[in-house]
């Protein structure tokens, strides 16, 4: 095979999915913590699986009847809708970039495929606000760069895989967290298996055809804003700006110099500062002026500019759909009967079953948005590995205004939702208040170690906050108390504990916490969550 046509491209994707599927548990086990929270293999597998049978018609079953650009676009759309977890979202963006690179290619030789892969590298880096080297991004980039210039497809995949393998083995040198855990990057390892499966398919090896169909992505109505349209409503402009020491004195800088200028040059301003990061939402007819002005103080981490005339048209395309809709709705993610009930009692219209090791796909969020039937939907992902998926679903959903609250833990989501006040103003103000509330919470997790890691032995219980192991003990209750001490629970007003499936000595925990921290209110609830014996929430 010296050229890739539509049929072969689909076989390459299926080959990659099949090879990854054989090793998905191995990828799951490459987690940096010695607890059962690894789900990278599952997330990547389900994402690429969704791309194997995109819902573009029966002709995709054989790859005939479609051109290479059409198949590549359909695969990308399927992966977009099926993307799960950070690794899945990044993987979907890799193949989205690959599809863009193949947009004008009827048959791809080694040179054309190489250029398309490099477009995939660029797209995947853009998918992450702060790309980190030593991850799947590095493995993809270094592999694609090393294979560029190959004389044929056989040589291309040989060089690609060899360079990916070398890059993967080097990831612990780039990330201390990998080096300390004694593992390579799980996402990079998964990507290597996909590349190996694609090479096998190139050589004629067949892979099992997967039957699951996933809806294609929704698209912008290009006829809603034509050459004769008038920009009536301006642009909704949002960005995260990281203040730079080379531009301002961080210790003395007064951010009101930015907010005051924005208030004079825009409307519907939402503005807040968190350390060196400034979050801005503003309506303006001249987003370029807004961005240029603000860049004198720092550099952008994320930027989103949307034509509100287009949004206005989309929101009024079907008045029948909007009739009777409530103003605000809530979608949250949680696992465990107690936690699901808790979030519903706090006001969640729909609680998506998911969490650590159970990341819901984009389509599950979209189905939930439909079911809520509200003008504005606030989304609480409650897991850092689900945040990107929720945002991707929000980006492609066009029937409501979706606001994803950056709640990376169940504790953050719980406290933010408990502070939801729909009478506090418009959606922008409510979103800002919820995000601020989520940032005031500290969350800790207690789980059983499934392998030795550093000073922790298999069978012991570890207490984790953020990405650090702060405590350990022979019993979950001991680990919880040590974790509370390490997280300075005594400085907080409320200590909330969710007992999981393994939290059997809960009353002892309550009494111990009340004795140690008499000034704090101690609340103990049954969460029923898997993986974690206890979830500790401090606020």
Protein backbone atom coordinates (compact mmCIF):
# COMPACT_ATOMS: atom_id res chain seq x y z
CA UNK A 1 0.00 0.00 0.00
CA UNK A 2 1.59 3.25 -1.13
CA UNK A 3 -1.54 5.39 -0.77
CA UNK A 4 -4.34 5.67 1.78
CA UNK A 5 -7.85 5.87 0.37
CA UNK A 6 -11.18 6.09 2.21
CA UNK A 7 -11.52 2.35 2.82
CA UNK A 8 -7.95 1.93 4.05
CA UNK A 9 -8.21 4.95 6.33
CA UNK A 10 -11.23 3.44 8.06
CA UNK A 11 -9.36 0.14 8.40
CA UNK A 12 -6.41 1.99 9.95
CA UNK A 13 -8.70 3.50 12.59
CA UNK A 14 -10.28 0.12 13.31
CA UNK A 15 -6.86 -1.46 13.56
CA UNK A 16 -5.76 1.18 16.05
CA UNK A 17 -8.92 0.70 18.11
CA UNK A 18 -8.52 -3.08 18.14
CA UNK A 19 -4.89 -2.95 19.28
CA UNK A 20 -5.70 -0.42 22.00
CA UNK A 21 -8.65 -2.56 23.11
CA UNK A 22 -6.34 -5.52 23.72
CA UNK A 23 -4.16 -3.41 26.03
CA UNK A 24 -6.70 -1.06 27.62
CA UNK A 25 -6.30 -2.53 31.11
CA UNK A 26 -2.54 -2.29 30.83
CA UNK A 27 -2.98 1.42 30.03
CA UNK A 28 -5.41 1.81 32.94
CA UNK A 29 -2.78 0.40 35.29
CA UNK A 30 -0.25 3.09 34.35
CA UNK A 31 -1.76 5.52 36.84
CA UNK A 32 0.50 7.68 38.96
CA UNK A 33 -1.37 6.90 42.19
CA UNK A 34 -1.38 3.44 43.76
CA UNK A 35 -5.19 3.40 43.87
CA UNK A 36 -7.74 2.13 41.34
CA UNK A 37 -8.32 5.45 39.56
CA UNK A 38 -6.71 4.64 36.23
CA UNK A 39 -9.16 4.84 33.33
CA UNK A 40 -7.05 6.31 30.52
CA UNK A 41 -7.20 3.08 28.54
CA UNK A 42 -10.97 2.89 28.81
CA UNK A 43 -11.43 6.55 27.89
CA UNK A 44 -9.16 6.37 24.86
CA UNK A 45 -10.66 3.07 23.69
CA UNK A 46 -14.25 4.24 23.92
CA UNK A 47 -13.31 7.47 22.14
CA UNK A 48 -11.64 5.82 19.16
CA UNK A 49 -14.32 3.13 19.13
CA UNK A 50 -16.91 5.84 18.61
CA UNK A 51 -14.96 6.98 15.56
CA UNK A 52 -14.99 3.54 13.95
CA UNK A 53 -18.67 3.69 13.02
CA UNK A 54 -19.71 7.34 12.72
CA UNK A 55 -23.35 7.76 11.72
CA UNK A 56 -22.82 8.94 8.18
CA UNK A 57 -24.75 6.22 6.37
CA UNK A 58 -24.35 2.55 5.53
CA UNK A 59 -21.48 3.18 3.15
CA UNK A 60 -19.14 3.65 6.11
CA UNK A 61 -19.39 -0.07 6.87
CA UNK A 62 -17.03 -0.72 3.98
CA UNK A 63 -15.55 2.70 3.41
CA UNK A 64 -16.83 2.69 -0.18
CA UNK A 65 -19.02 5.42 -1.55
CA UNK A 66 -17.21 8.08 0.46
CA UNK A 67 -14.07 10.04 -0.25
CA UNK A 68 -11.09 10.07 2.06
CA UNK A 69 -11.90 13.58 3.37
CA UNK A 70 -15.49 12.49 4.07
CA UNK A 71 -14.44 9.40 5.98
CA UNK A 72 -11.79 11.31 7.94
CA UNK A 73 -14.37 13.96 8.83
CA UNK A 74 -16.92 11.30 9.85
CA UNK A 75 -14.36 9.53 12.04
CA UNK A 76 -13.48 12.84 13.68
CA UNK A 77 -17.17 13.63 14.32
CA UNK A 78 -17.74 10.21 15.86
CA UNK A 79 -14.76 10.61 18.18
CA UNK A 80 -15.90 14.10 19.12
CA UNK A 81 -19.26 12.80 20.31
CA UNK A 82 -17.78 9.76 22.04
CA UNK A 83 -14.82 11.50 23.71
CA UNK A 84 -14.40 10.64 27.40
CA UNK A 85 -11.95 12.10 29.89
CA UNK A 86 -9.03 14.39 29.17
CA UNK A 87 -7.15 11.70 27.26
CA UNK A 88 -10.19 10.99 25.08
CA UNK A 89 -10.79 14.65 24.33
CA UNK A 90 -7.15 15.17 23.37
CA UNK A 91 -7.23 12.02 21.21
CA UNK A 92 -10.34 13.29 19.43
CA UNK A 93 -8.60 16.58 18.68
CA UNK A 94 -5.62 14.71 17.21
CA UNK A 95 -7.89 13.03 14.68
CA UNK A 96 -9.81 16.28 14.13
CA UNK A 97 -6.54 17.87 13.04
CA UNK A 98 -5.73 14.82 10.92
CA UNK A 99 -9.11 15.21 9.20
CA UNK A 100 -8.39 18.89 8.52
CA UNK A 101 -5.05 17.93 7.01
CA UNK A 102 -6.77 15.43 4.69
CA UNK A 103 -9.59 17.80 3.72
CA UNK A 104 -8.38 18.22 0.12
CA UNK A 105 -6.66 14.86 -0.36
CA UNK A 106 -8.31 12.12 -2.43
CA UNK A 107 -5.56 9.58 -1.72
CA UNK A 108 -2.76 10.20 0.76
CA UNK A 109 0.81 9.15 0.08
CA UNK A 110 3.43 9.25 2.83
CA UNK A 111 4.10 12.96 2.36
CA UNK A 112 0.41 13.96 2.45
CA UNK A 113 -0.30 11.75 5.45
CA UNK A 114 2.72 13.17 7.26
CA UNK A 115 1.49 16.73 6.74
CA UNK A 116 -1.95 15.73 8.01
CA UNK A 117 -0.45 14.15 11.12
CA UNK A 118 1.48 17.33 11.84
CA UNK A 119 -1.83 19.22 11.53
CA UNK A 120 -3.14 16.78 14.15
CA UNK A 121 -0.24 17.69 16.42
CA UNK A 122 -1.08 21.37 16.14
CA UNK A 123 -4.78 20.77 16.79
CA UNK A 124 -4.12 18.61 19.86
CA UNK A 125 -1.85 21.21 21.44
CA UNK A 126 -4.52 23.83 20.91
CA UNK A 127 -7.04 21.63 22.76
CA UNK A 128 -5.20 22.12 26.06
CA UNK A 129 -5.01 25.55 27.66
CA UNK A 130 -1.62 24.76 29.22
CA UNK A 131 0.07 21.90 27.31
CA UNK A 132 2.36 19.80 29.47
CA UNK A 133 5.36 18.01 28.00
CA UNK A 134 5.91 14.41 29.02
CA UNK A 135 2.35 13.49 28.09
CA UNK A 136 0.50 12.08 25.10
CA UNK A 137 1.08 15.43 23.37
CA UNK A 138 4.84 14.97 23.47
CA UNK A 139 4.68 11.38 22.23
CA UNK A 140 2.48 12.40 19.30
CA UNK A 141 4.55 15.44 18.38
CA UNK A 142 7.94 13.76 18.53
CA UNK A 143 6.67 10.73 16.64
CA UNK A 144 5.08 12.77 13.85
CA UNK A 145 8.11 15.03 13.51
CA UNK A 146 10.55 12.11 13.33
CA UNK A 147 8.54 10.33 10.62
CA UNK A 148 8.26 13.40 8.39
CA UNK A 149 10.11 12.97 5.10
CA UNK A 150 9.52 9.22 4.81
CA UNK A 151 9.69 7.84 1.27
CA UNK A 152 6.65 5.53 1.65
CA UNK A 153 3.93 4.57 4.14
CA UNK A 154 5.78 1.50 5.43
CA UNK A 155 8.77 3.61 6.35
CA UNK A 156 6.50 6.31 7.77
CA UNK A 157 4.78 4.02 10.28
CA UNK A 158 8.05 2.29 11.19
CA UNK A 159 9.69 5.63 11.99
CA UNK A 160 6.55 6.95 13.69
CA UNK A 161 6.30 3.99 16.05
CA UNK A 162 10.01 3.87 16.79
CA UNK A 163 10.07 7.57 17.68
CA UNK A 164 6.86 7.32 19.72
CA UNK A 165 8.31 4.43 21.72
CA UNK A 166 11.51 6.37 22.41
CA UNK A 167 9.51 9.46 23.40
CA UNK A 168 7.28 7.39 25.68
CA UNK A 169 10.24 5.93 27.55
CA UNK A 170 11.52 9.47 28.08
CA UNK A 171 8.29 10.83 29.61
CA UNK A 172 9.35 10.09 33.25
CA UNK A 173 12.32 12.41 32.72
CA UNK A 174 9.95 15.23 31.80
CA UNK A 175 7.35 14.70 34.55
CA UNK A 176 8.42 14.07 38.14
CA UNK A 177 5.04 12.57 38.99
CA UNK A 178 5.70 9.77 36.46
CA UNK A 179 9.25 9.27 37.68
CA UNK A 180 8.17 8.96 41.30
CA UNK A 181 5.47 6.44 40.40
CA UNK A 182 7.85 4.45 38.19
CA UNK A 183 5.55 4.55 35.15
CA UNK A 184 5.44 6.05 31.68
CA UNK A 185 2.64 8.34 30.53
CA UNK A 186 -0.54 6.32 30.10
CA UNK A 187 -1.98 8.45 27.29
CA UNK A 188 1.26 8.21 25.34
CA UNK A 189 1.30 4.45 25.82
CA UNK A 190 -2.25 4.22 24.51
CA UNK A 191 -1.35 6.31 21.47
CA UNK A 192 1.59 4.02 20.73
CA UNK A 193 -0.73 1.00 20.68
CA UNK A 194 -3.07 2.85 18.30
CA UNK A 195 -0.15 3.55 15.95
CA UNK A 196 0.92 -0.11 16.09
CA UNK A 197 -2.61 -1.21 15.26
CA UNK A 198 -2.72 1.19 12.32
CA UNK A 199 0.54 -0.24 10.98
CA UNK A 200 -0.84 -3.77 11.31
CA UNK A 201 -3.91 -2.72 9.31
CA UNK A 202 -1.66 -1.16 6.68
CA UNK A 203 -0.04 -4.59 6.27
CA UNK A 204 -3.41 -6.24 5.75
CA UNK A 205 -4.27 -7.48 9.23
CA UNK A 206 -8.01 -7.33 9.87
CA UNK A 207 -9.66 -6.05 13.04
CA UNK A 208 -13.08 -6.67 14.52
CA UNK A 209 -15.66 -4.26 13.16
CA UNK A 210 -17.42 -2.38 15.95
CA UNK A 211 -21.14 -1.76 15.56
CA UNK A 212 -21.83 1.08 18.01
CA UNK A 213 -23.10 4.15 16.17
CA UNK A 214 -22.54 7.67 17.47
CA UNK A 215 -24.37 10.77 16.19
CA UNK A 216 -22.36 13.15 14.09
CA UNK A 217 -21.42 16.52 15.53
CA UNK A 218 -23.73 19.47 15.11
CA UNK A 219 -22.56 22.34 12.94
CA UNK A 220 -23.00 26.10 12.76
CA UNK A 221 -25.76 27.27 10.42
CA UNK A 222 -23.67 29.26 7.94
CA UNK A 223 -26.80 30.74 6.36
CA UNK A 224 -27.65 32.48 9.64
CA UNK A 225 -25.09 35.22 8.92
CA UNK A 226 -24.62 36.00 5.25
CA UNK A 227 -22.75 38.56 3.19
CA UNK A 228 -25.66 40.99 3.67
CA UNK A 229 -26.15 40.48 7.44
CA UNK A 230 -25.61 43.26 9.96
CA UNK A 231 -23.64 42.67 13.17
CA UNK A 232 -26.43 43.71 15.50
CA UNK A 233 -25.41 42.13 18.78
CA UNK A 234 -21.61 42.16 18.62
CA UNK A 235 -19.35 39.39 19.89
CA UNK A 236 -19.40 37.46 23.15
CA UNK A 237 -15.71 37.54 24.08
CA UNK A 238 -14.26 35.37 26.85
CA UNK A 239 -10.70 34.64 27.83
CA UNK A 240 -8.32 33.65 30.58
CA UNK A 241 -5.33 36.00 30.81
CA UNK A 242 -2.18 35.01 32.70
CA UNK A 243 -0.43 38.15 33.97
CA UNK A 244 3.25 38.13 33.05
CA UNK A 245 6.08 39.35 35.27
CA UNK A 246 7.78 40.72 32.16
CA UNK A 247 4.82 43.09 31.67
CA UNK A 248 3.56 43.95 35.17
CA UNK A 249 4.69 43.86 38.79
CA UNK A 250 2.54 41.03 40.13
CA UNK A 251 2.99 42.10 43.74
CA UNK A 252 1.61 45.60 43.23
CA UNK A 253 -0.52 45.28 40.11
CA UNK A 254 -4.09 46.56 40.50
CA UNK A 255 -6.36 44.66 38.12
CA UNK A 256 -8.97 47.45 38.18
CA UNK A 257 -6.89 49.19 35.51
CA UNK A 258 -8.13 46.40 33.22
CA UNK A 259 -11.67 46.07 34.55
CA UNK A 260 -12.31 49.82 34.42
CA UNK A 261 -11.16 50.01 30.81
CA UNK A 262 -13.26 47.00 29.85
CA UNK A 263 -16.34 48.50 31.51
CA UNK A 264 -15.91 51.62 29.36
CA UNK A 265 -15.32 49.69 26.14
CA UNK A 266 -17.73 46.78 26.46
CA UNK A 267 -20.97 45.56 27.98
CA UNK A 268 -22.13 42.67 30.23
CA UNK A 269 -18.71 42.54 31.86
CA UNK A 270 -17.85 39.67 34.19
CA UNK A 271 -14.34 40.07 35.61
CA UNK A 272 -12.39 38.44 38.39
CA UNK A 273 -8.80 37.73 39.31
CA UNK A 274 -7.42 34.56 40.86
CA UNK A 275 -3.72 34.94 41.58
CA UNK A 276 -2.03 35.76 38.29
CA UNK A 277 -5.01 34.63 36.20
CA UNK A 278 -7.74 37.02 35.10
CA UNK A 279 -11.08 35.74 33.79
CA UNK A 280 -13.01 38.04 31.45
CA UNK A 281 -16.41 37.85 29.79
CA UNK A 282 -17.47 40.92 27.81
CA UNK A 283 -19.75 41.84 24.91
CA UNK A 284 -18.17 44.05 22.25
CA UNK A 285 -18.33 44.90 18.56
CA UNK A 286 -14.52 45.03 18.41
CA UNK A 287 -13.04 41.93 20.08
CA UNK A 288 -9.68 42.58 18.46
CA UNK A 289 -9.31 45.85 20.36
CA UNK A 290 -10.26 44.15 23.61
CA UNK A 291 -7.71 41.37 23.12
CA UNK A 292 -4.94 43.68 21.96
CA UNK A 293 -5.44 45.99 24.95
CA UNK A 294 -5.42 43.19 27.50
CA UNK A 295 -2.37 41.47 26.00
CA UNK A 296 -0.20 44.36 27.19
CA UNK A 297 -0.61 42.93 30.71
CA UNK A 298 -0.09 39.22 30.03
CA UNK A 299 -0.69 36.32 27.68
CA UNK A 300 -3.85 34.38 26.93
CA UNK A 301 -4.46 30.86 28.17
CA UNK A 302 -7.85 30.53 26.46
CA UNK A 303 -9.87 32.70 24.09
CA UNK A 304 -13.45 32.30 22.86
CA UNK A 305 -15.15 34.82 20.54
CA UNK A 306 -18.68 34.10 19.32
CA UNK A 307 -20.92 36.07 16.98
CA UNK A 308 -23.99 36.91 19.07
CA UNK A 309 -26.06 37.74 15.99
CA UNK A 310 -25.57 34.12 14.98
CA UNK A 311 -26.39 32.96 18.51
CA UNK A 312 -29.52 35.13 18.51
CA UNK A 313 -30.65 33.52 15.26
CA UNK A 314 -30.02 30.01 16.56
CA UNK A 315 -31.86 30.69 19.78
CA UNK A 316 -34.94 31.83 17.86
CA UNK A 317 -34.96 29.27 15.06
CA UNK A 318 -37.61 27.14 16.75
CA UNK A 319 -39.90 28.99 19.12
CA UNK A 320 -41.87 25.79 19.65
CA UNK A 321 -38.80 24.25 21.26
CA UNK A 322 -38.35 27.21 23.59
CA UNK A 323 -41.99 27.55 24.61
CA UNK A 324 -42.44 26.66 28.25
CA UNK A 325 -38.72 26.23 28.95
CA UNK A 326 -37.50 27.23 32.38
CA UNK A 327 -34.80 29.82 32.75
CA UNK A 328 -32.14 27.75 34.51
CA UNK A 329 -31.29 24.06 34.80
CA UNK A 330 -28.54 22.03 36.43
CA UNK A 331 -26.64 18.93 35.29
CA UNK A 332 -24.14 17.32 37.68
CA UNK A 333 -21.91 14.24 37.59
CA UNK A 334 -21.69 11.86 40.55
CA UNK A 335 -21.50 8.16 41.39
CA UNK A 336 -22.95 6.39 44.39
CA UNK A 337 -26.59 6.39 45.44
CA UNK A 338 -26.03 8.75 48.35
CA UNK A 339 -24.12 11.32 46.31
CA UNK A 340 -26.62 11.17 43.47
CA UNK A 341 -29.46 11.83 45.93
CA UNK A 342 -27.46 14.63 47.55
CA UNK A 343 -26.93 16.49 44.29
CA UNK A 344 -30.59 16.09 43.38
CA UNK A 345 -31.59 17.50 46.77
CA UNK A 346 -29.27 20.46 46.10
CA UNK A 347 -31.19 21.21 42.92
CA UNK A 348 -29.64 19.15 40.12
CA UNK A 349 -32.24 18.33 37.47
CA UNK A 350 -30.17 15.46 36.12
CA UNK A 351 -27.25 13.63 37.72
CA UNK A 352 -25.12 11.77 35.20
CA UNK A 353 -23.69 8.58 36.66
CA UNK A 354 -19.94 8.94 36.45
CA UNK A 355 -16.74 9.84 38.19
CA UNK A 356 -13.33 8.30 38.70
CA UNK A 357 -12.90 5.31 36.34
CA UNK A 358 -16.39 6.02 34.92
CA UNK A 359 -16.07 9.05 32.63
CA UNK A 360 -19.28 9.77 30.68
CA UNK A 361 -19.01 10.56 26.96
CA UNK A 362 -19.92 13.81 25.23
CA UNK A 363 -23.20 12.33 23.99
CA UNK A 364 -24.36 11.61 27.55
CA UNK A 365 -24.00 15.30 28.38
CA UNK A 366 -25.86 16.32 25.24
CA UNK A 367 -28.72 13.95 26.08
CA UNK A 368 -28.85 15.50 29.56
CA UNK A 369 -28.94 19.03 28.14
CA UNK A 370 -31.90 18.03 25.97
CA UNK A 371 -33.71 16.48 28.92
CA UNK A 372 -33.24 19.50 31.21
CA UNK A 373 -35.02 21.75 28.69
CA UNK A 374 -33.81 25.07 30.11
CA UNK A 375 -32.62 28.33 28.58
CA UNK A 376 -29.37 28.18 30.54
CA UNK A 377 -27.85 24.99 31.95
CA UNK A 378 -25.14 25.03 34.62
CA UNK A 379 -22.94 21.94 34.49
CA UNK A 380 -20.92 20.57 37.41
CA UNK A 381 -18.42 17.95 36.10
CA UNK A 382 -17.07 17.29 39.63
CA UNK A 383 -13.95 15.57 38.27
CA UNK A 384 -10.91 17.05 36.59
CA UNK A 385 -10.89 14.24 34.05
CA UNK A 386 -14.48 15.01 33.01
CA UNK A 387 -14.13 18.79 32.74
CA UNK A 388 -12.83 18.77 29.17
CA UNK A 389 -15.59 16.39 28.07
CA UNK A 390 -18.25 18.66 29.53
CA UNK A 391 -16.72 21.70 27.83
CA UNK A 392 -16.56 19.89 24.51
CA UNK A 393 -20.24 19.00 24.82
CA UNK A 394 -21.03 22.61 25.65
CA UNK A 395 -19.12 23.84 22.60
CA UNK A 396 -21.16 21.76 20.15
CA UNK A 397 -24.58 22.12 21.79
CA UNK A 398 -26.72 24.83 20.21
CA UNK A 399 -30.16 24.52 21.83
CA UNK A 400 -29.35 26.24 25.12
CA UNK A 401 -26.74 28.38 26.83
CA UNK A 402 -24.42 25.87 28.54
CA UNK A 403 -22.19 27.10 31.38
CA UNK A 404 -19.61 24.59 32.63
CA UNK A 405 -18.55 25.35 36.20
CA UNK A 406 -14.87 24.38 36.72
CA UNK A 407 -15.63 21.98 39.60
CA UNK A 408 -12.86 19.38 39.52
CA UNK A 409 -13.96 17.49 42.65
CA UNK A 410 -17.25 16.41 44.19
CA UNK A 411 -16.52 18.76 47.09
CA UNK A 412 -16.18 21.76 44.80
CA UNK A 413 -19.37 20.83 42.96
CA UNK A 414 -21.27 20.26 46.21
CA UNK A 415 -20.35 23.61 47.72
CA UNK A 416 -20.86 25.56 44.49
CA UNK A 417 -24.29 24.04 43.87
CA UNK A 418 -25.26 24.62 47.49
CA UNK A 419 -24.56 28.31 46.85
CA UNK A 420 -26.56 28.52 43.61
CA UNK A 421 -28.80 31.59 43.67
CA UNK A 422 -30.70 32.02 40.40
CA UNK A 423 -32.03 35.37 41.63
CA UNK A 424 -28.51 36.79 41.95
CA UNK A 425 -28.49 38.23 38.44
CA UNK A 426 -28.04 37.10 34.86
CA UNK A 427 -26.30 33.90 33.78
CA UNK A 428 -22.89 35.59 33.65
CA UNK A 429 -23.07 36.78 37.24
CA UNK A 430 -24.40 33.43 38.45
CA UNK A 431 -21.63 31.57 36.63
CA UNK A 432 -18.96 33.81 38.14
CA UNK A 433 -20.39 33.31 41.66
CA UNK A 434 -20.49 29.53 41.22
CA UNK A 435 -16.90 29.42 39.96
CA UNK A 436 -15.79 31.53 42.90
CA UNK A 437 -17.58 29.23 45.36
CA UNK A 438 -15.95 26.15 43.81
CA UNK A 439 -12.56 27.70 44.43
CA UNK A 440 -13.17 28.06 48.18
CA UNK A 441 -13.29 24.33 48.87
CA UNK A 442 -10.62 21.76 49.69
CA UNK A 443 -11.33 18.11 48.87
CA UNK A 444 -9.47 15.01 50.04
CA UNK A 445 -9.89 11.36 49.03
CA UNK A 446 -9.17 8.11 50.86
CA UNK A 447 -8.66 4.89 48.91
CA UNK A 448 -6.94 1.54 49.21
CA UNK A 449 -3.54 1.12 47.56
CA UNK A 450 -3.56 -1.63 44.94
CA UNK A 451 0.22 -1.69 44.58
CA UNK A 452 3.39 -0.53 46.30
CA UNK A 453 4.39 3.05 45.62
CA UNK A 454 7.15 4.86 47.48
CA UNK A 455 6.47 4.55 51.21
CA UNK A 456 2.96 3.16 50.62
CA UNK A 457 2.45 -0.58 50.57
CA UNK A 458 -0.23 -2.54 48.78
CA UNK A 459 -3.30 -2.93 50.99
CA UNK A 460 -2.71 0.27 52.96
CA UNK A 461 -5.01 3.28 52.66
CA UNK A 462 -3.83 6.60 51.29
CA UNK A 463 -5.18 10.12 51.64
CA UNK A 464 -4.89 12.28 48.53
CA UNK A 465 -5.54 15.98 47.92
CA UNK A 466 -5.01 17.39 44.46
CA UNK A 467 -2.21 15.30 43.01
CA UNK A 468 -0.38 14.60 46.24
CA UNK A 469 -0.46 11.69 48.67
CA UNK A 470 -0.60 13.45 52.04
CA UNK A 471 -1.36 10.60 54.42
CA UNK A 472 -1.56 6.83 54.79
CA UNK A 473 -2.66 4.27 57.34
CA UNK A 474 -3.56 0.61 57.80
CA UNK A 475 -7.29 1.44 57.99
CA UNK A 476 -9.35 3.96 55.98
CA UNK A 477 -10.42 5.81 59.13
CA UNK A 478 -6.81 6.34 60.22
CA UNK A 479 -5.90 7.59 56.76
CA UNK A 480 -8.88 9.97 56.83
CA UNK A 481 -7.93 11.49 60.18
CA UNK A 482 -4.32 11.89 59.07
CA UNK A 483 -5.52 13.49 55.83
CA UNK A 484 -7.73 15.94 57.72
CA UNK A 485 -4.75 16.97 59.81
CA UNK A 486 -2.53 17.38 56.75
CA UNK A 487 -5.21 19.54 55.08
CA UNK A 488 -5.50 21.79 58.15
CA UNK A 489 -9.13 20.90 58.82
CA UNK A 490 -9.01 22.88 62.04
CA UNK A 491 -8.94 26.16 60.12
CA UNK A 492 -12.26 25.40 58.40
CA UNK A 493 -15.82 26.00 59.59
CA UNK A 494 -17.35 22.85 58.14
CA UNK A 495 -15.95 19.33 57.78
CA UNK A 496 -18.12 17.23 55.47
CA UNK A 497 -17.42 13.53 55.01
CA UNK A 498 -19.04 11.25 52.41
CA UNK A 499 -18.69 7.60 53.37
CA UNK A 500 -18.28 5.26 50.42
CA UNK A 501 -19.02 1.61 49.89
CA UNK A 502 -16.16 0.67 52.21
CA UNK A 503 -16.79 3.30 54.91
CA UNK A 504 -18.10 0.95 57.62
CA UNK A 505 -16.90 2.71 60.78
CA UNK A 506 -18.45 6.08 60.02
CA UNK A 507 -19.69 6.99 63.51
CA UNK A 508 -16.22 6.52 64.91
CA UNK A 509 -15.00 8.98 62.29
CA UNK A 510 -17.59 11.57 63.29
CA UNK A 511 -16.72 11.35 66.96
CA UNK A 512 -12.98 11.54 66.28
CA UNK A 513 -13.34 14.58 64.04
CA UNK A 514 -15.64 16.39 66.51
CA UNK A 515 -13.16 15.74 69.30
CA UNK A 516 -10.16 16.96 67.29
CA UNK A 517 -11.89 19.99 65.77
CA UNK A 518 -14.49 21.25 68.26
CA UNK A 519 -14.97 24.63 66.55
CA UNK A 520 -15.94 23.05 63.22
CA UNK A 521 -19.32 21.62 62.28
CA UNK A 522 -18.86 17.97 61.35
CA UNK A 523 -21.33 16.52 58.83
CA UNK A 524 -21.29 12.84 57.93
CA UNK A 525 -23.29 11.54 54.97
CA UNK A 526 -23.55 8.26 53.11
CA UNK A 527 -22.18 8.77 49.62
CA UNK A 528 -22.02 5.15 48.52
CA UNK A 529 -19.28 6.08 46.03
CA UNK A 530 -16.97 3.42 44.60
CA UNK A 531 -13.15 3.64 44.66
CA UNK A 532 -12.98 6.03 47.63
CA UNK A 533 -13.80 4.88 51.15
CA UNK A 534 -14.16 8.49 52.20
CA UNK A 535 -14.41 11.89 50.51
CA UNK A 536 -13.40 14.77 52.78
CA UNK A 537 -14.77 18.23 51.98
CA UNK A 538 -13.57 21.32 53.88
CA UNK A 539 -15.15 24.76 53.60
